[in-house]
PDB file of N, CA and C in Angstrom:
ATOM      1  N   MET A   1      80.390-100.377 181.081  1.00  0.00           N
ATOM      2  CA  MET A   1      80.261-101.781 180.723  1.00  0.00           C
ATOM      3  C   MET A   1      79.753-101.850 179.281  1.00  0.00           C
ATOM      4  N   SER A   2      80.360-102.712 178.499  1.00  0.00           N
ATOM      5  CA  SER A   2      79.979-102.833 177.094  1.00  0.00           C
ATOM      6  C   SER A   2      78.756-103.738 176.946  1.00  0.00           C
ATOM      7  N   ILE A   3      78.162-103.659 175.778  1.00  0.00           N
ATOM      8  CA  ILE A   3      76.997-104.513 175.486  1.00  0.00           C
ATOM      9  C   ILE A   3      77.392-105.987 175.517  1.00  0.00           C
ATOM     10  N   ASP A   4      78.588-106.293 175.014  1.00  0.00           N
ATOM     11  CA  ASP A   4      79.050-107.686 175.043  1.00  0.00           C
ATOM     12  C   ASP A   4      79.157-108.202 176.481  1.00  0.00           C
ATOM     13  N   GLY A   5      79.665-107.360 177.374  1.00  0.00           N
ATOM     14  CA  GLY A   5      79.772-107.760 178.776  1.00  0.00           C
ATOM     15  C   GLY A   5      78.414-107.978 179.416  1.00  0.00           C
ATOM     16  N   ILE A   6      77.474-107.109 179.080  1.00  0.00           N
ATOM     17  CA  ILE A   6      76.117-107.245 179.615  1.00  0.00           C
ATOM     18  C   ILE A   6      75.484-108.533 179.124  1.00  0.00           C
ATOM     19  N   LEU A   7      75.609-108.815 177.830  1.00  0.00           N
ATOM     20  CA  LEU A   7      75.028-110.043 177.275  1.00  0.00           C
ATOM     21  C   LEU A   7      75.698-111.290 177.839  1.00  0.00           C
ATOM     22  N   MET A   8      77.002-111.224 178.092  1.00  0.00           N
ATOM     23  CA  MET A   8      77.699-112.376 178.658  1.00  0.00           C
ATOM     24  C   MET A   8      77.215-112.653 180.079  1.00  0.00           C
ATOM     25  N   ILE A   9      77.041-111.608 180.866  1.00  0.00           N
ATOM     26  CA  ILE A   9      76.542-111.784 182.234  1.00  0.00           C
ATOM     27  C   ILE A   9      75.114-112.346 182.207  1.00  0.00           C
ATOM     28  N   ALA A  10      74.292-111.825 181.310  1.00  0.00           N
ATOM     29  CA  ALA A  10      72.914-112.328 181.196  1.00  0.00           C
ATOM     30  C   ALA A  10      72.905-113.789 180.756  1.00  0.00           C
ATOM     31  N   TRP A  11      73.797-114.167 179.839  1.00  0.00           N
ATOM     32  CA  TRP A  11      73.856-115.555 179.369  1.00  0.00           C
ATOM     33  C   TRP A  11      74.274-116.492 180.502  1.00  0.00           C
ATOM     34  N   TYR A  12      75.292-116.122 181.261  1.00  0.00           N
ATOM     35  CA  TYR A  12      75.723-116.969 182.369  1.00  0.00           C
ATOM     36  C   TYR A  12      74.667-117.050 183.467  1.00  0.00           C
ATOM     37  N   ALA A  13      73.892-115.999 183.649  1.00  0.00           N
ATOM     38  CA  ALA A  13      72.813-116.041 184.632  1.00  0.00           C
ATOM     39  C   ALA A  13      71.664-116.922 184.156  1.00  0.00           C
ATOM     40  N   ALA A  14      71.450-117.027 182.848  1.00  0.00           N
ATOM     41  CA  ALA A  14      70.332-117.814 182.305  1.00  0.00           C
ATOM     42  C   ALA A  14      70.665-119.287 182.143  1.00  0.00           C
ATOM     43  N   GLN A  15      71.931-119.652 182.072  1.00  0.00           N
ATOM     44  CA  GLN A  15      72.296-121.049 181.796  1.00  0.00           C
ATOM     45  C   GLN A  15      71.717-122.071 182.766  1.00  0.00           C
ATOM     46  N   PRO A  16      71.712-121.825 184.071  1.00  0.00           N
ATOM     47  CA  PRO A  16      71.122-122.852 184.956  1.00  0.00           C
ATOM     48  C   PRO A  16      69.619-123.033 184.761  1.00  0.00           C
ATOM     49  N   TRP A  17      68.977-122.093 184.103  1.00  0.00           N
ATOM     50  CA  TRP A  17      67.527-122.132 183.943  1.00  0.00           C
ATOM     51  C   TRP A  17      67.096-122.529 182.539  1.00  0.00           C
ATOM     52  N   LEU A  18      68.006-122.996 181.701  1.00  0.00           N
ATOM     53  CA  LEU A  18      67.643-123.355 180.328  1.00  0.00           C
ATOM     54  C   LEU A  18      66.633-124.494 180.277  1.00  0.00           C
ATOM     55  N   TRP A  19      66.712-125.437 181.201  1.00  0.00           N
ATOM     56  CA  TRP A  19      65.747-126.537 181.222  1.00  0.00           C
ATOM     57  C   TRP A  19      64.343-126.006 181.503  1.00  0.00           C
ATOM     58  N   LEU A  20      64.231-125.026 182.415  1.00  0.00           N
ATOM     59  CA  LEU A  20      62.930-124.444 182.734  1.00  0.00           C
ATOM     60  C   LEU A  20      62.394-123.639 181.551  1.00  0.00           C
ATOM     61  N   ILE A  21      63.271-122.942 180.866  1.00  0.00           N
ATOM     62  CA  ILE A  21      62.865-122.190 179.682  1.00  0.00           C
ATOM     63  C   ILE A  21      62.312-123.133 178.621  1.00  0.00           C
ATOM     64  N   ALA A  22      62.959-124.288 178.441  1.00  0.00           N
ATOM     65  CA  ALA A  22      62.473-125.271 177.470  1.00  0.00           C
ATOM     66  C   ALA A  22      61.098-125.816 177.870  1.00  0.00           C
ATOM     67  N   VAL A  23      60.904-126.106 179.148  1.00  0.00           N
ATOM     68  CA  VAL A  23      59.603-126.605 179.629  1.00  0.00           C
ATOM     69  C   VAL A  23      58.519-125.550 179.423  1.00  0.00           C
ATOM     70  N   LEU A  24      58.830-124.291 179.714  1.00  0.00           N
ATOM     71  CA  LEU A  24      57.849-123.223 179.541  1.00  0.00           C
ATOM     72  C   LEU A  24      57.509-123.008 178.067  1.00  0.00           C
ATOM     73  N   CYS A  25      58.491-123.160 177.185  1.00  0.00           N
ATOM     74  CA  CYS A  25      58.207-123.046 175.747  1.00  0.00           C
ATOM     75  C   CYS A  25      57.293-124.170 175.280  1.00  0.00           C
ATOM     76  N   ILE A  26      57.525-125.381 175.770  1.00  0.00           N
ATOM     77  CA  ILE A  26      56.668-126.509 175.404  1.00  0.00           C
ATOM     78  C   ILE A  26      55.250-126.280 175.929  1.00  0.00           C
ATOM     79  N   ALA A  27      55.119-125.788 177.161  1.00  0.00           N
ATOM     80  CA  ALA A  27      53.792-125.509 177.718  1.00  0.00           C
ATOM     81  C   ALA A  27      53.065-124.444 176.913  1.00  0.00           C
ATOM     82  N   LEU A  28      53.783-123.422 176.458  1.00  0.00           N
ATOM     83  CA  LEU A  28      53.160-122.371 175.663  1.00  0.00           C
ATOM     84  C   LEU A  28      52.686-122.897 174.316  1.00  0.00           C
ATOM     85  N   VAL A  29      53.515-123.680 173.652  1.00  0.00           N
ATOM     86  CA  VAL A  29      53.122-124.233 172.349  1.00  0.00           C
ATOM     87  C   VAL A  29      51.926-125.159 172.509  1.00  0.00           C
ATOM     88  N   LEU A  30      51.926-125.996 173.540  1.00  0.00           N
ATOM     89  CA  LEU A  30      50.782-126.889 173.771  1.00  0.00           C
ATOM     90  C   LEU A  30      49.517-126.105 174.085  1.00  0.00           C
ATOM     91  N   SER A  31      49.631-125.055 174.877  1.00  0.00           N
ATOM     92  CA  SER A  31      48.466-124.245 175.210  1.00  0.00           C
ATOM     93  C   SER A  31      47.891-123.568 173.975  1.00  0.00           C
ATOM     94  N   LEU A  32      48.750-123.007 173.153  1.00  0.00           N
ATOM     95  CA  LEU A  32      48.274-122.349 171.938  1.00  0.00           C
ATOM     96  C   LEU A  32      47.688-123.354 170.950  1.00  0.00           C
ATOM     97  N   TRP A  33      48.272-124.545 170.869  1.00  0.00           N
ATOM     98  CA  TRP A  33      47.790-125.548 169.930  1.00  0.00           C
ATOM     99  C   TRP A  33      46.465-126.153 170.396  1.00  0.00           C
ATOM    100  N   LEU A  34      46.359-126.465 171.694  1.00  0.00           N
ATOM    101  CA  LEU A  34      45.139-127.084 172.199  1.00  0.00           C
ATOM    102  C   LEU A  34      43.975-126.100 172.281  1.00  0.00           C
ATOM    103  N   GLY A  35      44.259-124.816 172.462  1.00  0.00           N
ATOM    104  CA  GLY A  35      43.186-123.841 172.595  1.00  0.00           C
ATOM    105  C   GLY A  35      42.909-123.044 171.337  1.00  0.00           C
ATOM    106  N   ARG A  36      43.385-123.514 170.194  1.00  0.00           N
ATOM    107  CA  ARG A  36      43.264-122.743 168.953  1.00  0.00           C
ATOM    108  C   ARG A  36      41.834-122.631 168.440  1.00  0.00           C
ATOM    109  N   HIS A  37      40.925-123.499 168.877  1.00  0.00           N
ATOM    110  CA  HIS A  37      39.547-123.477 168.382  1.00  0.00           C
ATOM    111  C   HIS A  37      38.597-122.713 169.292  1.00  0.00           C
ATOM    112  N   ARG A  38      39.097-122.179 170.368  1.00  0.00           N
ATOM    113  CA  ARG A  38      38.238-121.407 171.281  1.00  0.00           C
ATOM    114  C   ARG A  38      38.119-119.987 170.755  1.00  0.00           C
ATOM    115  N   HIS A  39      36.905-119.480 170.700  1.00  0.00           N
ATOM    116  CA  HIS A  39      36.656-118.131 170.205  1.00  0.00           C
ATOM    117  C   HIS A  39      35.841-117.357 171.228  1.00  0.00           C
ATOM    118  N   GLY A  40      35.822-116.057 171.084  1.00  0.00           N
ATOM    119  CA  GLY A  40      35.072-115.198 171.994  1.00  0.00           C
ATOM    120  C   GLY A  40      36.001-114.205 172.656  1.00  0.00           C
ATOM    121  N   PRO A  41      35.421-113.247 173.360  1.00  0.00           N
ATOM    122  CA  PRO A  41      36.257-112.239 174.016  1.00  0.00           C
ATOM    123  C   PRO A  41      37.032-112.841 175.194  1.00  0.00           C
ATOM    124  N   THR A  42      38.194-112.285 175.437  1.00  0.00           N
ATOM    125  CA  THR A  42      39.028-112.737 176.540  1.00  0.00           C
ATOM    126  C   THR A  42      38.470-112.222 177.859  1.00  0.00           C
ATOM    127  N   TYR A  43      38.558-113.018 178.891  1.00  0.00           N
ATOM    128  CA  TYR A  43      38.101-112.661 180.227  1.00  0.00           C
ATOM    129  C   TYR A  43      38.831-111.406 180.687  1.00  0.00           C
ATOM    130  N   PHE A  44      38.104-110.454 181.261  1.00  0.00           N
ATOM    131  CA  PHE A  44      38.660-109.161 181.667  1.00  0.00           C
ATOM    132  C   PHE A  44      39.764-109.299 182.710  1.00  0.00           C
ATOM    133  N   GLY A  45      39.685-110.274 183.563  1.00  0.00           N
ATOM    134  CA  GLY A  45      40.651-110.437 184.644  1.00  0.00           C
ATOM    135  C   GLY A  45      42.002-110.957 184.210  1.00  0.00           C
ATOM    136  N   LEU A  46      42.183-111.208 182.918  1.00  0.00           N
ATOM    137  CA  LEU A  46      43.455-111.740 182.450  1.00  0.00           C
ATOM    138  C   LEU A  46      44.573-110.708 182.534  1.00  0.00           C
ATOM    139  N   TRP A  47      44.285-109.452 182.206  1.00  0.00           N
ATOM    140  CA  TRP A  47      45.332-108.426 182.263  1.00  0.00           C
ATOM    141  C   TRP A  47      45.809-108.173 183.691  1.00  0.00           C
ATOM    142  N   PRO A  48      44.913-107.998 184.667  1.00  0.00           N
ATOM    143  CA  PRO A  48      45.419-107.838 186.040  1.00  0.00           C
ATOM    144  C   PRO A  48      46.201-109.057 186.532  1.00  0.00           C
ATOM    145  N   LEU A  49      45.766-110.256 186.149  1.00  0.00           N
ATOM    146  CA  LEU A  49      46.496-111.461 186.516  1.00  0.00           C
ATOM    147  C   LEU A  49      47.886-111.440 185.902  1.00  0.00           C
ATOM    148  N   SER A  50      47.987-111.054 184.642  1.00  0.00           N
ATOM    149  CA  SER A  50      49.280-111.005 183.969  1.00  0.00           C
ATOM    150  C   SER A  50      50.203-109.977 184.609  1.00  0.00           C
ATOM    151  N   VAL A  51      49.668-108.824 184.959  1.00  0.00           N
ATOM    152  CA  VAL A  51      50.485-107.787 185.602  1.00  0.00           C
ATOM    153  C   VAL A  51      50.966-108.263 186.968  1.00  0.00           C
ATOM    154  N   MET A  52      50.102-108.932 187.723  1.00  0.00           N
ATOM    155  CA  MET A  52      50.510-109.444 189.032  1.00  0.00           C
ATOM    156  C   MET A  52      51.620-110.474 188.897  1.00  0.00           C
ATOM    157  N   VAL A  53      51.520-111.356 187.907  1.00  0.00           N
ATOM    158  CA  VAL A  53      52.569-112.349 187.700  1.00  0.00           C
ATOM    159  C   VAL A  53      53.872-111.662 187.290  1.00  0.00           C
ATOM    160  N   GLY A  54      53.789-110.628 186.443  1.00  0.00           N
ATOM    161  CA  GLY A  54      54.986-109.898 186.038  1.00  0.00           C
ATOM    162  C   GLY A  54      55.671-109.208 187.202  1.00  0.00           C
ATOM    163  N   VAL A  55      54.904-108.560 188.070  1.00  0.00           N
ATOM    164  CA  VAL A  55      55.480-107.892 189.245  1.00  0.00           C
ATOM    165  C   VAL A  55      56.072-108.924 190.202  1.00  0.00           C
ATOM    166  N   LEU A  56      55.381-110.031 190.390  1.00  0.00           N
ATOM    167  CA  LEU A  56      55.901-111.090 191.252  1.00  0.00           C
ATOM    168  C   LEU A  56      57.205-111.653 190.699  1.00  0.00           C
ATOM    169  N   ALA A  57      57.278-111.825 189.376  1.00  0.00           N
ATOM    170  CA  ALA A  57      58.516-112.311 188.767  1.00  0.00           C
ATOM    171  C   ALA A  57      59.651-111.310 188.953  1.00  0.00           C
ATOM    172  N   MET A  58      59.342-110.027 188.849  1.00  0.00           N
ATOM    173  CA  MET A  58      60.372-109.010 189.069  1.00  0.00           C
ATOM    174  C   MET A  58      60.880-109.032 190.511  1.00  0.00           C
ATOM    175  N   LEU A  59      60.005-109.283 191.461  1.00  0.00           N
ATOM    176  CA  LEU A  59      60.413-109.305 192.860  1.00  0.00           C
ATOM    177  C   LEU A  59      61.158-110.581 193.232  1.00  0.00           C
ATOM    178  N   LEU A  60      60.828-111.688 192.579  1.00  0.00           N
ATOM    179  CA  LEU A  60      61.458-112.970 192.914  1.00  0.00           C
ATOM    180  C   LEU A  60      62.718-113.271 192.116  1.00  0.00           C
ATOM    181  N   ALA A  61      62.923-112.586 190.994  1.00  0.00           N
ATOM    182  CA  ALA A  61      64.067-112.885 190.131  1.00  0.00           C
ATOM    183  C   ALA A  61      65.413-112.744 190.847  1.00  0.00           C
ATOM    184  N   PRO A  62      65.661-111.697 191.620  1.00  0.00           N
ATOM    185  CA  PRO A  62      66.951-111.644 192.311  1.00  0.00           C
ATOM    186  C   PRO A  62      67.156-112.795 193.302  1.00  0.00           C
ATOM    187  N   ALA A  63      66.111-113.215 193.973  1.00  0.00           N
ATOM    188  CA  ALA A  63      66.239-114.315 194.933  1.00  0.00           C
ATOM    189  C   ALA A  63      66.555-115.634 194.225  1.00  0.00           C
ATOM    190  N   LEU A  64      66.016-115.820 193.021  1.00  0.00           N
ATOM    191  CA  LEU A  64      66.292-117.047 192.277  1.00  0.00           C
ATOM    192  C   LEU A  64      67.734-117.119 191.797  1.00  0.00           C
ATOM    193  N   THR A  65      68.381-115.972 191.663  1.00  0.00           N
ATOM    194  CA  THR A  65      69.781-115.946 191.227  1.00  0.00           C
ATOM    195  C   THR A  65      70.730-115.714 192.406  1.00  0.00           C
ATOM    196  N   ASN A  66      70.265-116.002 193.607  1.00  0.00           N
ATOM    197  CA  ASN A  66      71.053-115.847 194.836  1.00  0.00           C
ATOM    198  C   ASN A  66      71.555-114.418 195.016  1.00  0.00           C
ATOM    199  N   SER A  67      70.706-113.466 194.766  1.00  0.00           N
ATOM    200  CA  SER A  67      71.028-112.058 194.932  1.00  0.00           C
ATOM    201  C   SER A  67      69.943-111.422 195.793  1.00  0.00           C
ATOM    202  N   GLN A  68      69.979-110.115 195.898  1.00  0.00           N
ATOM    203  CA  GLN A  68      68.962-109.392 196.646  1.00  0.00           C
ATOM    204  C   GLN A  68      68.488-108.220 195.811  1.00  0.00           C
ATOM    205  N   LEU A  69      67.270-107.797 196.069  1.00  0.00           N
ATOM    206  CA  LEU A  69      66.697-106.701 195.298  1.00  0.00           C
ATOM    207  C   LEU A  69      67.473-105.398 195.498  1.00  0.00           C
ATOM    208  N   ARG A  70      68.091-105.226 196.637  1.00  0.00           N
ATOM    209  CA  ARG A  70      68.833-103.982 196.869  1.00  0.00           C
ATOM    210  C   ARG A  70      70.131-103.923 196.073  1.00  0.00           C
ATOM    211  N   TYR A  71      70.594-105.051 195.510  1.00  0.00           N
ATOM    212  CA  TYR A  71      71.790-105.045 194.675  1.00  0.00           C
ATOM    213  C   TYR A  71      71.486-104.673 193.234  1.00  0.00           C
ATOM    214  N   VAL A  72      70.237-104.532 192.890  1.00  0.00           N
ATOM    215  CA  VAL A  72      69.849-104.120 191.542  1.00  0.00           C
ATOM    216  C   VAL A  72      69.970-102.602 191.500  1.00  0.00           C
ATOM    217  N   ALA A  73      71.151-102.119 191.102  1.00  0.00           N
ATOM    218  CA  ALA A  73      71.411-100.691 191.201  1.00  0.00           C
ATOM    219  C   ALA A  73      71.801-100.047 189.874  1.00  0.00           C
ATOM    220  N   THR A  74      72.433-100.786 188.977  1.00  0.00           N
ATOM    221  CA  THR A  74      72.892-100.188 187.723  1.00  0.00           C
ATOM    222  C   THR A  74      71.801-100.293 186.666  1.00  0.00           C
ATOM    223  N   TRP A  75      71.926 -99.511 185.610  1.00  0.00           N
ATOM    224  CA  TRP A  75      70.897 -99.513 184.580  1.00  0.00           C
ATOM    225  C   TRP A  75      70.785-100.848 183.855  1.00  0.00           C
ATOM    226  N   PRO A  76      71.876-101.613 183.621  1.00  0.00           N
ATOM    227  CA  PRO A  76      71.665-102.934 183.009  1.00  0.00           C
ATOM    228  C   PRO A  76      70.876-103.870 183.912  1.00  0.00           C
ATOM    229  N   ASP A  77      71.114-103.790 185.222  1.00  0.00           N
ATOM    230  CA  ASP A  77      70.357-104.627 186.153  1.00  0.00           C
ATOM    231  C   ASP A  77      68.879-104.260 186.143  1.00  0.00           C
ATOM    232  N   LEU A  78      68.604-102.969 186.171  1.00  0.00           N
ATOM    233  CA  LEU A  78      67.211-102.517 186.141  1.00  0.00           C
ATOM    234  C   LEU A  78      66.538-102.880 184.825  1.00  0.00           C
ATOM    235  N   LEU A  79      67.279-102.762 183.729  1.00  0.00           N
ATOM    236  CA  LEU A  79      66.727-103.112 182.421  1.00  0.00           C
ATOM    237  C   LEU A  79      66.405-104.603 182.348  1.00  0.00           C
ATOM    238  N   LEU A  80      67.313-105.442 182.815  1.00  0.00           N
ATOM    239  CA  LEU A  80      67.053-106.888 182.796  1.00  0.00           C
ATOM    240  C   LEU A  80      65.902-107.259 183.722  1.00  0.00           C
ATOM    241  N   LEU A  81      65.786-106.573 184.852  1.00  0.00           N
ATOM    242  CA  LEU A  81      64.672-106.837 185.749  1.00  0.00           C
ATOM    243  C   LEU A  81      63.351-106.441 185.103  1.00  0.00           C
ATOM    244  N   ALA A  82      63.332-105.317 184.388  1.00  0.00           N
ATOM    245  CA  ALA A  82      62.125-104.906 183.670  1.00  0.00           C
ATOM    246  C   ALA A  82      61.786-105.890 182.559  1.00  0.00           C
ATOM    247  N   VAL A  83      62.800-106.382 181.864  1.00  0.00           N
ATOM    248  CA  VAL A  83      62.569-107.372 180.797  1.00  0.00           C
ATOM    249  C   VAL A  83      61.996-108.658 181.384  1.00  0.00           C
ATOM    250  N   ILE A  84      62.474-109.055 182.541  1.00  0.00           N
ATOM    251  CA  ILE A  84      61.936-110.248 183.209  1.00  0.00           C
ATOM    252  C   ILE A  84      60.462-110.057 183.539  1.00  0.00           C
ATOM    253  N   GLY A  85      60.111-108.913 184.090  1.00  0.00           N
ATOM    254  CA  GLY A  85      58.718-108.652 184.449  1.00  0.00           C
ATOM    255  C   GLY A  85      57.805-108.589 183.243  1.00  0.00           C
ATOM    256  N   ILE A  86      58.241-107.891 182.190  1.00  0.00           N
ATOM    257  CA  ILE A  86      57.423-107.784 180.982  1.00  0.00           C
ATOM    258  C   ILE A  86      57.291-109.134 180.300  1.00  0.00           C
ATOM    259  N   SER A  87      58.374-109.892 180.271  1.00  0.00           N
ATOM    260  CA  SER A  87      58.325-111.221 179.650  1.00  0.00           C
ATOM    261  C   SER A  87      57.390-112.154 180.406  1.00  0.00           C
ATOM    262  N   ALA A  88      57.452-112.126 181.728  1.00  0.00           N
ATOM    263  CA  ALA A  88      56.549-112.972 182.529  1.00  0.00           C
ATOM    264  C   ALA A  88      55.102-112.559 182.329  1.00  0.00           C
ATOM    265  N   MET A  89      54.856-111.252 182.211  1.00  0.00           N
ATOM    266  CA  MET A  89      53.495-110.769 181.989  1.00  0.00           C
ATOM    267  C   MET A  89      52.976-111.237 180.627  1.00  0.00           C
ATOM    268  N   LEU A  90      53.774-111.071 179.587  1.00  0.00           N
ATOM    269  CA  LEU A  90      53.342-111.496 178.257  1.00  0.00           C
ATOM    270  C   LEU A  90      53.194-113.010 178.156  1.00  0.00           C
ATOM    271  N   TYR A  91      54.097-113.747 178.803  1.00  0.00           N
ATOM    272  CA  TYR A  91      53.996-115.206 178.793  1.00  0.00           C
ATOM    273  C   TYR A  91      52.695-115.649 179.461  1.00  0.00           C
ATOM    274  N   THR A  92      52.372-115.064 180.597  1.00  0.00           N
ATOM    275  CA  THR A  92      51.133-115.418 181.293  1.00  0.00           C
ATOM    276  C   THR A  92      49.914-115.104 180.439  1.00  0.00           C
ATOM    277  N   TRP A  93      49.943-113.953 179.777  1.00  0.00           N
ATOM    278  CA  TRP A  93      48.818-113.582 178.917  1.00  0.00           C
ATOM    279  C   TRP A  93      48.683-114.567 177.755  1.00  0.00           C
ATOM    280  N   LEU A  94      49.800-114.902 177.102  1.00  0.00           N
ATOM    281  CA  LEU A  94      49.737-115.847 175.984  1.00  0.00           C
ATOM    282  C   LEU A  94      49.325-117.246 176.428  1.00  0.00           C
ATOM    283  N   LEU A  95      49.785-117.661 177.593  1.00  0.00           N
ATOM    284  CA  LEU A  95      49.472-118.998 178.080  1.00  0.00           C
ATOM    285  C   LEU A  95      47.991-119.130 178.441  1.00  0.00           C
ATOM    286  N   CYS A  96      47.416-118.080 179.020  1.00  0.00           N
ATOM    287  CA  CYS A  96      46.050-118.174 179.541  1.00  0.00           C
ATOM    288  C   CYS A  96      44.975-117.609 178.625  1.00  0.00           C
ATOM    289  N   LYS A  97      45.343-116.922 177.552  1.00  0.00           N
ATOM    290  CA  LYS A  97      44.328-116.220 176.765  1.00  0.00           C
ATOM    291  C   LYS A  97      43.335-117.163 176.094  1.00  0.00           C
ATOM    292  N   ASN A  98      43.752-118.327 175.666  1.00  0.00           N
ATOM    293  CA  ASN A  98      42.819-119.253 175.029  1.00  0.00           C
ATOM    294  C   ASN A  98      41.948-119.978 176.046  1.00  0.00           C
ATOM    295  N   TRP A  99      42.400-120.102 177.268  1.00  0.00           N
ATOM    296  CA  TRP A  99      41.662-120.852 178.276  1.00  0.00           C
ATOM    297  C   TRP A  99      40.704-119.963 179.044  1.00  0.00           C
ATOM    298  N   LEU A 100      40.925-118.653 179.008  1.00  0.00           N
ATOM    299  CA  LEU A 100      40.058-117.726 179.738  1.00  0.00           C
ATOM    300  C   LEU A 100      39.179-116.938 178.758  1.00  0.00           C
ATOM    301  N   ARG A 101      38.530-117.621 177.877  1.00  0.00           N
ATOM    302  CA  ARG A 101      37.588-117.007 176.961  1.00  0.00           C
ATOM    303  C   ARG A 101      36.204-117.031 177.578  1.00  0.00           C
ATOM    304  N   GLN A 102      35.428-115.997 177.332  1.00  0.00           N
ATOM    305  CA  GLN A 102      34.085-115.904 177.923  1.00  0.00           C
ATOM    306  C   GLN A 102      33.078-116.786 177.200  1.00  0.00           C
ATOM    307  N   GLY A 103      33.259-117.017 175.949  1.00  0.00           N
ATOM    308  CA  GLY A 103      32.333-117.860 175.189  1.00  0.00           C
ATOM    309  C   GLY A 103      33.079-118.951 174.477  1.00  0.00           C
ATOM    310  N   ASN A 104      32.362-119.832 173.853  1.00  0.00           N
ATOM    311  CA  ASN A 104      33.010-120.909 173.135  1.00  0.00           C
ATOM    312  C   ASN A 104      32.562-120.971 171.711  1.00  0.00           C
TER     313      ASN A 104
END
């Protein structure tokens, strides 16, 4: 399978979720803008929370696309599933890092 084919499949899989992606981007920008004045070390529990959200996103992603986890067999499928998990983990960390500060 060529890279163009992989990107086309990923694009068609993402199209029904573009509205959700836009909402999540707005939430991230608002969170970063509203929490920009908070200072102090980040709460220790943020990393485990982010990892849990990433793993949960990896497990739920096939169900959201009307598929099953056992159909994730080829390397492009595994790569996209890993990208989903890492992206969800980083998004959770960025969204919550300003709100889970230990000091003010």
